[in-house]
């Protein structure tokens, strides 16, 4: 297809809207080849595509989400950015997370049996045919955002919007309501009370109905030097805090999405221009205060009759399917087992039908998008 046409369509959300309408998760077959499992660790020094300035505990929270499904609670730890060079015993790997495709992870070692789900690719422009051909072997690919999904579909790789595996953290980390306290946790954000921004003013309105004396601050950025054990322990400690809080306000996706699973009311703050590549798809699931890509203020908050923040339940449809997919992958018997799901966005059409339409065939009569922009597809 002409790249200029694709670019024009993508900028206007047309591709996303069409894919949302047609999206269908096909049956996926799993065969148990190995029983040992691995989860990601993060060296942060092995990827030439970016220079990490700190340890991001959100990465470890993603690994904890995968670890919930493993029968072995002491899995092999594998560097996310060096999977091509893994030379240990054969492993199953739930390959969820953030990727900058680089020299060490453009394909994986043949000793890894991966499930690609909740995948976000940050550097789509750098992806070569070798990586696309490798992903096709494991399709359909579960994508954490619409941008990754749309790219893969246009490149001929079957893909679907899976949401993020951290929305299933209730398996190991949700607590009873009797354990909830009055804490309001700010993660990597602080209100400027002397010179409040537009965002701060919106947040102060929300906080009128809360005990503002019970505020606690957390962060997901840590200096290098922590051991892997310390990183995982820190991630667990943060999840335990979020599970018991009255309200969480955060700029971090992997604080906000886990809170959905934990039943903790949460607001995602977008303090700068909306990053379509990161957020599209996920923002439909969350309460948001922040800016869209035109720098207009967003104030999308659900509240109960007492004015307290409540979460949307929309994430549940994706979380349920993620749990089934991950569980069947890890526990697959010797014979093939199918994960059947026809509810990802609709049952009409195949991906080939979408591409035929984009190449000039007749369009569908109606389009239904996801998100909360006019026409769907996330924030404009």
Protein backbone atom coordinates (compact mmCIF):
# COMPACT_ATOMS: atom_id res chain seq x y z
CA UNK A 1 0.00 0.00 0.00
CA UNK A 2 1.18 3.52 -0.71
CA UNK A 3 3.03 4.77 2.40
CA UNK A 4 1.75 8.31 1.88
CA UNK A 5 -1.87 7.09 1.98
CA UNK A 6 -1.14 5.02 5.12
CA UNK A 7 0.43 8.01 6.84
CA UNK A 8 -2.50 10.27 5.94
CA UNK A 9 -5.02 7.73 7.24
CA UNK A 10 -3.07 7.12 10.45
CA UNK A 11 -2.89 10.82 11.32
CA UNK A 12 -6.65 11.09 11.09
CA UNK A 13 -7.35 8.05 13.28
CA UNK A 14 -9.09 6.37 10.32
CA UNK A 15 -6.90 3.26 10.46
CA UNK A 16 -7.49 2.85 14.20
CA UNK A 17 -11.24 3.24 13.82
CA UNK A 18 -11.38 0.66 11.03
CA UNK A 19 -9.23 -1.84 12.93
CA UNK A 20 -11.38 -1.39 16.03
CA UNK A 21 -14.47 -2.21 14.01
CA UNK A 22 -13.07 -5.33 12.37
CA UNK A 23 -10.77 -6.55 15.12
CA UNK A 24 -11.17 -10.25 15.82
CA UNK A 25 -9.00 -12.47 17.95
CA UNK A 26 -8.51 -15.75 16.17
CA UNK A 27 -7.99 -19.08 17.94
CA UNK A 28 -4.50 -19.51 19.29
CA UNK A 29 -2.99 -22.94 19.80
CA UNK A 30 -0.46 -23.72 22.52
CA UNK A 31 1.60 -26.85 22.84
CA UNK A 32 3.64 -27.43 25.97
CA UNK A 33 7.21 -27.93 24.83
CA UNK A 34 8.92 -27.05 28.10
CA UNK A 35 7.96 -26.69 31.74
CA UNK A 36 10.57 -24.27 33.11
CA UNK A 37 9.55 -20.62 32.92
CA UNK A 38 11.27 -17.24 32.76
CA UNK A 39 10.35 -13.63 33.49
CA UNK A 40 12.08 -10.46 32.47
CA UNK A 41 14.74 -8.62 34.40
CA UNK A 42 16.15 -5.33 33.13
CA UNK A 43 19.84 -4.59 32.71
CA UNK A 44 19.17 -1.18 31.05
CA UNK A 45 22.68 -1.22 29.54
CA UNK A 46 22.22 -3.71 26.70
CA UNK A 47 19.91 -1.73 24.41
CA UNK A 48 21.57 0.64 21.95
CA UNK A 49 18.23 2.26 21.06
CA UNK A 50 17.88 4.20 24.30
CA UNK A 51 19.93 5.37 27.25
CA UNK A 52 18.22 4.64 30.54
CA UNK A 53 18.79 7.23 33.26
CA UNK A 54 17.29 5.23 36.11
CA UNK A 55 15.67 1.94 37.07
CA UNK A 56 11.97 1.99 36.22
CA UNK A 57 10.14 -0.07 38.84
CA UNK A 58 7.15 -0.16 36.49
CA UNK A 59 9.11 -2.69 34.44
CA UNK A 60 9.37 -4.97 37.47
CA UNK A 61 5.65 -4.56 38.14
CA UNK A 62 5.08 -5.92 34.63
CA UNK A 63 7.31 -8.90 35.45
CA UNK A 64 5.33 -9.54 38.64
CA UNK A 65 2.16 -9.60 36.54
CA UNK A 66 3.66 -12.39 34.41
CA UNK A 67 5.06 -14.22 37.42
CA UNK A 68 1.55 -14.70 38.85
CA UNK A 69 0.85 -17.36 36.21
CA UNK A 70 3.98 -19.44 36.73
CA UNK A 71 3.94 -22.69 38.73
CA UNK A 72 7.60 -22.09 39.55
CA UNK A 73 7.84 -19.08 41.89
CA UNK A 74 11.60 -18.90 41.36
CA UNK A 75 11.66 -18.53 37.57
CA UNK A 76 14.74 -17.91 35.46
CA UNK A 77 15.43 -14.17 35.13
CA UNK A 78 16.11 -13.11 31.55
CA UNK A 79 17.23 -9.70 30.34
CA UNK A 80 14.48 -8.22 28.16
CA UNK A 81 16.95 -6.62 25.77
CA UNK A 82 19.22 -9.65 25.31
CA UNK A 83 16.69 -12.40 24.57
CA UNK A 84 18.44 -13.28 21.31
CA UNK A 85 21.51 -14.41 23.23
CA UNK A 86 19.79 -16.50 25.90
CA UNK A 87 21.55 -19.88 26.07
CA UNK A 88 20.13 -21.52 29.21
CA UNK A 89 17.64 -24.33 29.51
CA UNK A 90 14.48 -24.14 27.35
CA UNK A 91 11.82 -21.87 28.86
CA UNK A 92 8.30 -20.59 28.44
CA UNK A 93 8.20 -16.77 28.54
CA UNK A 94 5.23 -14.42 28.80
CA UNK A 95 6.87 -11.70 26.73
CA UNK A 96 4.83 -8.72 27.91
CA UNK A 97 6.20 -5.21 28.14
CA UNK A 98 7.91 -2.25 26.53
CA UNK A 99 10.34 -2.89 23.70
CA UNK A 100 12.83 -0.79 21.83
CA UNK A 101 13.72 -3.37 19.19
CA UNK A 102 17.49 -3.59 19.12
CA UNK A 103 20.45 -5.83 18.29
CA UNK A 104 19.73 -8.14 21.24
CA UNK A 105 15.97 -8.63 20.98
CA UNK A 106 15.01 -8.32 17.31
CA UNK A 107 14.39 -12.08 17.46
CA UNK A 108 14.60 -14.47 20.42
CA UNK A 109 16.80 -17.46 21.11
CA UNK A 110 15.33 -20.75 19.87
CA UNK A 111 15.42 -21.87 23.51
CA UNK A 112 12.59 -19.45 24.29
CA UNK A 113 8.94 -20.36 23.73
CA UNK A 114 7.27 -16.89 23.90
CA UNK A 115 3.75 -15.63 24.33
CA UNK A 116 3.69 -12.10 22.89
CA UNK A 117 0.96 -10.29 24.77
CA UNK A 118 0.58 -6.74 26.14
CA UNK A 119 3.41 -5.75 23.81
CA UNK A 120 4.36 -2.12 23.17
CA UNK A 121 7.00 -1.38 20.51
CA UNK A 122 8.53 2.04 21.00
CA UNK A 123 10.68 2.35 17.87
CA UNK A 124 8.39 1.17 15.09
CA UNK A 125 10.35 3.00 12.40
CA UNK A 126 13.42 0.86 13.09
CA UNK A 127 11.76 -2.55 12.77
CA UNK A 128 13.18 -4.73 10.00
CA UNK A 129 11.69 -7.67 8.15
CA UNK A 130 13.59 -10.16 10.34
CA UNK A 131 11.56 -9.08 13.38
CA UNK A 132 8.25 -9.03 11.51
CA UNK A 133 8.89 -12.54 10.16
CA UNK A 134 9.72 -13.74 13.67
CA UNK A 135 6.55 -12.24 15.16
CA UNK A 136 4.45 -13.89 12.45
CA UNK A 137 5.53 -17.27 13.85
CA UNK A 138 3.74 -16.42 17.12
CA UNK A 139 0.73 -14.46 15.85
CA UNK A 140 -1.74 -13.20 16.78
CA UNK A 141 0.33 -10.70 18.78
CA UNK A 142 -1.39 -9.11 21.79
CA UNK A 143 -0.62 -5.38 21.79
CA UNK A 144 -0.78 -2.95 24.70
CA UNK A 145 -1.75 0.00 22.51
CA UNK A 146 -3.50 0.74 19.25
CA UNK A 147 -0.37 2.17 17.62
CA UNK A 148 1.59 -1.10 17.93
CA UNK A 149 -1.43 -3.13 16.81
CA UNK A 150 -2.12 -0.94 13.78
CA UNK A 151 1.51 -1.06 12.68
CA UNK A 152 1.71 -4.84 12.86
CA UNK A 153 -1.57 -5.32 11.01
CA UNK A 154 -0.42 -3.03 8.20
CA UNK A 155 2.79 -5.06 7.99
CA UNK A 156 0.84 -8.29 7.59
CA UNK A 157 1.23 -9.61 11.16
CA UNK A 158 -2.01 -10.68 12.86
CA UNK A 159 -2.45 -8.60 16.01
CA UNK A 160 -5.09 -7.41 18.45
CA UNK A 161 -5.44 -4.95 21.33
CA UNK A 162 -4.94 -6.98 24.51
CA UNK A 163 -4.55 -4.15 27.05
CA UNK A 164 -1.84 -4.62 29.70
CA UNK A 165 -1.13 -7.72 31.80
CA UNK A 166 -0.81 -5.50 34.90
CA UNK A 167 -4.62 -5.19 34.87
CA UNK A 168 -4.63 -8.81 36.11
CA UNK A 169 -2.49 -8.21 39.21
CA UNK A 170 -5.48 -8.96 41.41
CA UNK A 171 -4.51 -12.64 41.18
CA UNK A 172 -1.74 -12.18 43.76
CA UNK A 173 -2.00 -8.64 45.12
CA UNK A 174 -5.61 -7.58 45.70
CA UNK A 175 -6.65 -7.34 49.37
CA UNK A 176 -10.04 -7.21 51.07
CA UNK A 177 -11.80 -3.86 51.46
CA UNK A 178 -11.38 -4.15 55.22
CA UNK A 179 -7.64 -3.56 54.72
CA UNK A 180 -8.14 -0.31 52.80
CA UNK A 181 -6.94 2.86 54.56
CA UNK A 182 -7.51 6.61 54.01
CA UNK A 183 -4.23 7.21 52.17
CA UNK A 184 -4.16 9.37 49.04
CA UNK A 185 -1.04 8.34 47.17
CA UNK A 186 0.66 10.61 44.65
CA UNK A 187 3.05 8.62 42.46
CA UNK A 188 5.56 10.78 40.58
CA UNK A 189 3.35 13.86 40.76
CA UNK A 190 2.91 16.69 43.26
CA UNK A 191 0.41 19.53 43.22
CA UNK A 192 1.88 23.03 43.21
CA UNK A 193 -0.40 24.66 45.77
CA UNK A 194 1.23 28.10 45.51
CA UNK A 195 1.00 28.33 41.72
CA UNK A 196 -1.42 25.58 40.71
CA UNK A 197 -1.54 24.60 37.05
CA UNK A 198 -4.78 23.84 35.20
CA UNK A 199 -4.24 20.20 36.09
CA UNK A 200 -3.60 21.05 39.75
CA UNK A 201 -6.82 23.04 39.96
CA UNK A 202 -8.79 20.08 38.61
CA UNK A 203 -7.12 17.77 41.14
CA UNK A 204 -7.80 20.14 44.03
CA UNK A 205 -11.48 20.04 43.08
CA UNK A 206 -11.39 16.24 43.28
CA UNK A 207 -9.61 16.29 46.66
CA UNK A 208 -12.31 18.42 48.31
CA UNK A 209 -14.10 15.19 49.18
CA UNK A 210 -11.05 13.49 50.72
CA UNK A 211 -8.94 13.70 53.85
CA UNK A 212 -6.03 15.74 52.53
CA UNK A 213 -3.97 15.06 55.66
CA UNK A 214 -3.47 11.45 54.59
CA UNK A 215 -1.26 12.13 51.55
CA UNK A 216 1.75 9.92 50.78
CA UNK A 217 4.24 10.23 47.91
CA UNK A 218 5.82 7.36 45.98
CA UNK A 219 7.99 7.16 42.88
CA UNK A 220 8.94 4.58 40.26
CA UNK A 221 12.41 5.94 39.42
CA UNK A 222 15.36 4.51 41.36
CA UNK A 223 19.09 5.01 41.04
CA UNK A 224 21.15 2.21 39.55
CA UNK A 225 22.71 -0.08 42.11
CA UNK A 226 19.69 -1.98 43.38
CA UNK A 227 19.95 -5.74 43.03
CA UNK A 228 17.30 -7.66 41.07
CA UNK A 229 15.97 -8.95 44.37
CA UNK A 230 15.66 -5.40 45.71
CA UNK A 231 13.90 -4.23 42.54
CA UNK A 232 11.29 -6.98 42.74
CA UNK A 233 10.82 -6.37 46.47
CA UNK A 234 10.34 -2.63 45.87
CA UNK A 235 7.76 -3.37 43.18
CA UNK A 236 5.85 -5.67 45.56
CA UNK A 237 5.94 -3.08 48.35
CA UNK A 238 4.49 -0.44 46.04
CA UNK A 239 1.70 -2.77 44.91
CA UNK A 240 0.86 -3.47 48.55
CA UNK A 241 0.57 0.28 49.17
CA UNK A 242 -1.61 0.85 46.11
CA UNK A 243 -3.87 -2.08 47.02
CA UNK A 244 -4.75 -0.44 50.36
CA UNK A 245 -5.02 3.22 49.31
CA UNK A 246 -8.21 5.28 49.18
CA UNK A 247 -7.11 7.04 45.98
CA UNK A 248 -4.02 7.03 43.76
CA UNK A 249 -3.00 9.94 41.53
CA UNK A 250 -0.14 9.19 39.16
CA UNK A 251 1.68 9.98 35.92
CA UNK A 252 2.80 6.34 35.64
CA UNK A 253 0.93 3.86 33.44
CA UNK A 254 2.21 0.97 35.54
CA UNK A 255 0.89 2.51 38.69
CA UNK A 256 -2.50 3.39 37.16
CA UNK A 257 -3.24 0.09 35.40
CA UNK A 258 -2.38 -2.11 38.41
CA UNK A 259 -4.75 0.02 40.50
CA UNK A 260 -7.61 -1.06 38.23
CA UNK A 261 -6.84 -4.68 39.09
CA UNK A 262 -6.42 -3.88 42.79
CA UNK A 263 -9.80 -2.13 42.97
CA UNK A 264 -8.16 1.16 44.00
CA UNK A 265 -9.66 4.35 42.52
CA UNK A 266 -7.00 5.96 40.34
CA UNK A 267 -6.46 9.04 38.19
CA UNK A 268 -3.82 9.10 35.45
CA UNK A 269 -2.26 12.55 35.09
CA UNK A 270 -0.92 13.54 31.66
CA UNK A 271 1.13 16.64 32.51
CA UNK A 272 2.51 17.26 29.03
CA UNK A 273 1.29 16.79 25.47
CA UNK A 274 -0.60 13.51 25.00
CA UNK A 275 1.68 10.77 23.64
CA UNK A 276 -0.56 8.89 21.22
CA UNK A 277 2.01 6.13 20.73
CA UNK A 278 2.03 5.22 24.45
CA UNK A 279 -1.51 5.94 25.54
CA UNK A 280 -3.90 5.11 22.70
CA UNK A 281 -6.10 2.24 23.82
CA UNK A 282 -5.16 2.38 27.49
CA UNK A 283 -6.71 5.80 28.12
CA UNK A 284 -10.17 4.40 27.41
CA UNK A 285 -9.81 2.34 30.61
CA UNK A 286 -8.76 5.10 33.02
CA UNK A 287 -9.82 8.30 34.75
CA UNK A 288 -7.68 11.10 33.29
CA UNK A 289 -6.73 14.68 34.07
CA UNK A 290 -4.21 16.19 31.67
CA UNK A 291 -3.67 17.43 28.15
CA UNK A 292 -4.57 16.04 24.76
CA UNK A 293 -2.24 16.30 21.78
CA UNK A 294 -3.55 19.80 21.03
CA UNK A 295 -2.73 20.88 24.62
CA UNK A 296 -6.41 21.18 25.55
CA UNK A 297 -7.26 20.12 29.09
CA UNK A 298 -8.85 16.71 29.64
CA UNK A 299 -11.01 16.11 32.69
CA UNK A 300 -12.49 12.62 32.41
CA UNK A 301 -13.34 11.42 35.92
CA UNK A 302 -16.04 9.01 37.05
CA UNK A 303 -17.45 9.64 40.55
CA UNK A 304 -19.98 8.07 42.86
CA UNK A 305 -22.92 9.88 44.47
CA UNK A 306 -20.62 11.15 47.24
CA UNK A 307 -18.20 12.73 44.80
CA UNK A 308 -15.52 10.06 45.30
CA UNK A 309 -13.55 8.75 42.34
CA UNK A 310 -14.52 5.33 40.97
CA UNK A 311 -12.89 3.29 38.22
CA UNK A 312 -14.50 2.23 34.97
CA UNK A 313 -15.10 -1.51 34.63
CA UNK A 314 -14.18 -1.50 30.94
CA UNK A 315 -10.77 -3.02 31.66
CA UNK A 316 -12.41 -6.25 32.86
CA UNK A 317 -13.29 -7.50 29.38
CA UNK A 318 -9.58 -7.43 28.47
CA UNK A 319 -8.27 -8.63 31.84
CA UNK A 320 -10.48 -11.71 31.72
CA UNK A 321 -9.12 -12.69 28.32
CA UNK A 322 -5.54 -11.99 29.34
CA UNK A 323 -5.91 -14.31 32.33
CA UNK A 324 -7.27 -17.09 30.13
CA UNK A 325 -4.56 -16.66 27.50
CA UNK A 326 -1.67 -16.54 29.98
CA UNK A 327 -2.98 -19.47 32.02
CA UNK A 328 -3.51 -21.69 29.00
CA UNK A 329 -0.08 -20.82 27.63
CA UNK A 330 1.70 -21.77 30.85
CA UNK A 331 -0.43 -24.83 31.60
CA UNK A 332 -0.87 -26.17 28.06
CA UNK A 333 -1.09 -29.98 27.96
CA UNK A 334 0.87 -32.17 25.59
CA UNK A 335 -1.89 -31.93 22.99
CA UNK A 336 -2.85 -28.60 21.47
CA UNK A 337 -5.37 -26.43 23.29
CA UNK A 338 -7.27 -23.52 21.80
CA UNK A 339 -7.97 -20.12 23.28
CA UNK A 340 -11.12 -18.99 21.48
CA UNK A 341 -12.24 -15.41 21.72
CA UNK A 342 -14.53 -13.57 19.34
CA UNK A 343 -15.22 -10.53 21.49
CA UNK A 344 -12.18 -8.32 20.81
CA UNK A 345 -13.97 -5.37 19.31
CA UNK A 346 -16.38 -7.25 17.02
CA UNK A 347 -16.92 -10.41 15.03
CA UNK A 348 -17.21 -8.99 11.51
CA UNK A 349 -14.44 -9.44 8.97
CA UNK A 350 -10.83 -10.55 8.95
CA UNK A 351 -7.61 -8.53 8.91
CA UNK A 352 -7.29 -9.24 5.20
CA UNK A 353 -10.66 -7.54 4.75
CA UNK A 354 -9.34 -4.44 6.52
CA UNK A 355 -6.31 -4.27 4.27
CA UNK A 356 -8.46 -4.79 1.18
CA UNK A 357 -10.59 -1.84 2.23
CA UNK A 358 -7.53 0.33 2.80
CA UNK A 359 -6.32 -0.62 -0.68
CA UNK A 360 -9.50 0.73 -2.22
CA UNK A 361 -12.28 -1.77 -1.57
CA UNK A 362 -15.69 -0.71 -0.30
CA UNK A 363 -15.66 0.57 3.30
CA UNK A 364 -17.94 -0.84 6.00
CA UNK A 365 -21.19 1.05 6.51
CA UNK A 366 -20.35 1.96 10.10
CA UNK A 367 -17.23 2.40 12.17
CA UNK A 368 -17.01 2.00 15.93
CA UNK A 369 -13.90 3.21 17.71
CA UNK A 370 -12.48 2.83 21.17
CA UNK A 371 -11.39 5.65 23.42
CA UNK A 372 -13.13 8.94 24.02
CA UNK A 373 -12.25 11.10 21.06
CA UNK A 374 -14.85 11.88 18.46
CA UNK A 375 -14.77 8.88 16.18
CA UNK A 376 -12.83 6.74 18.65
CA UNK A 377 -9.25 5.57 18.72
CA UNK A 378 -8.15 7.35 21.87
CA UNK A 379 -7.50 11.03 22.49
CA UNK A 380 -7.07 13.30 19.50
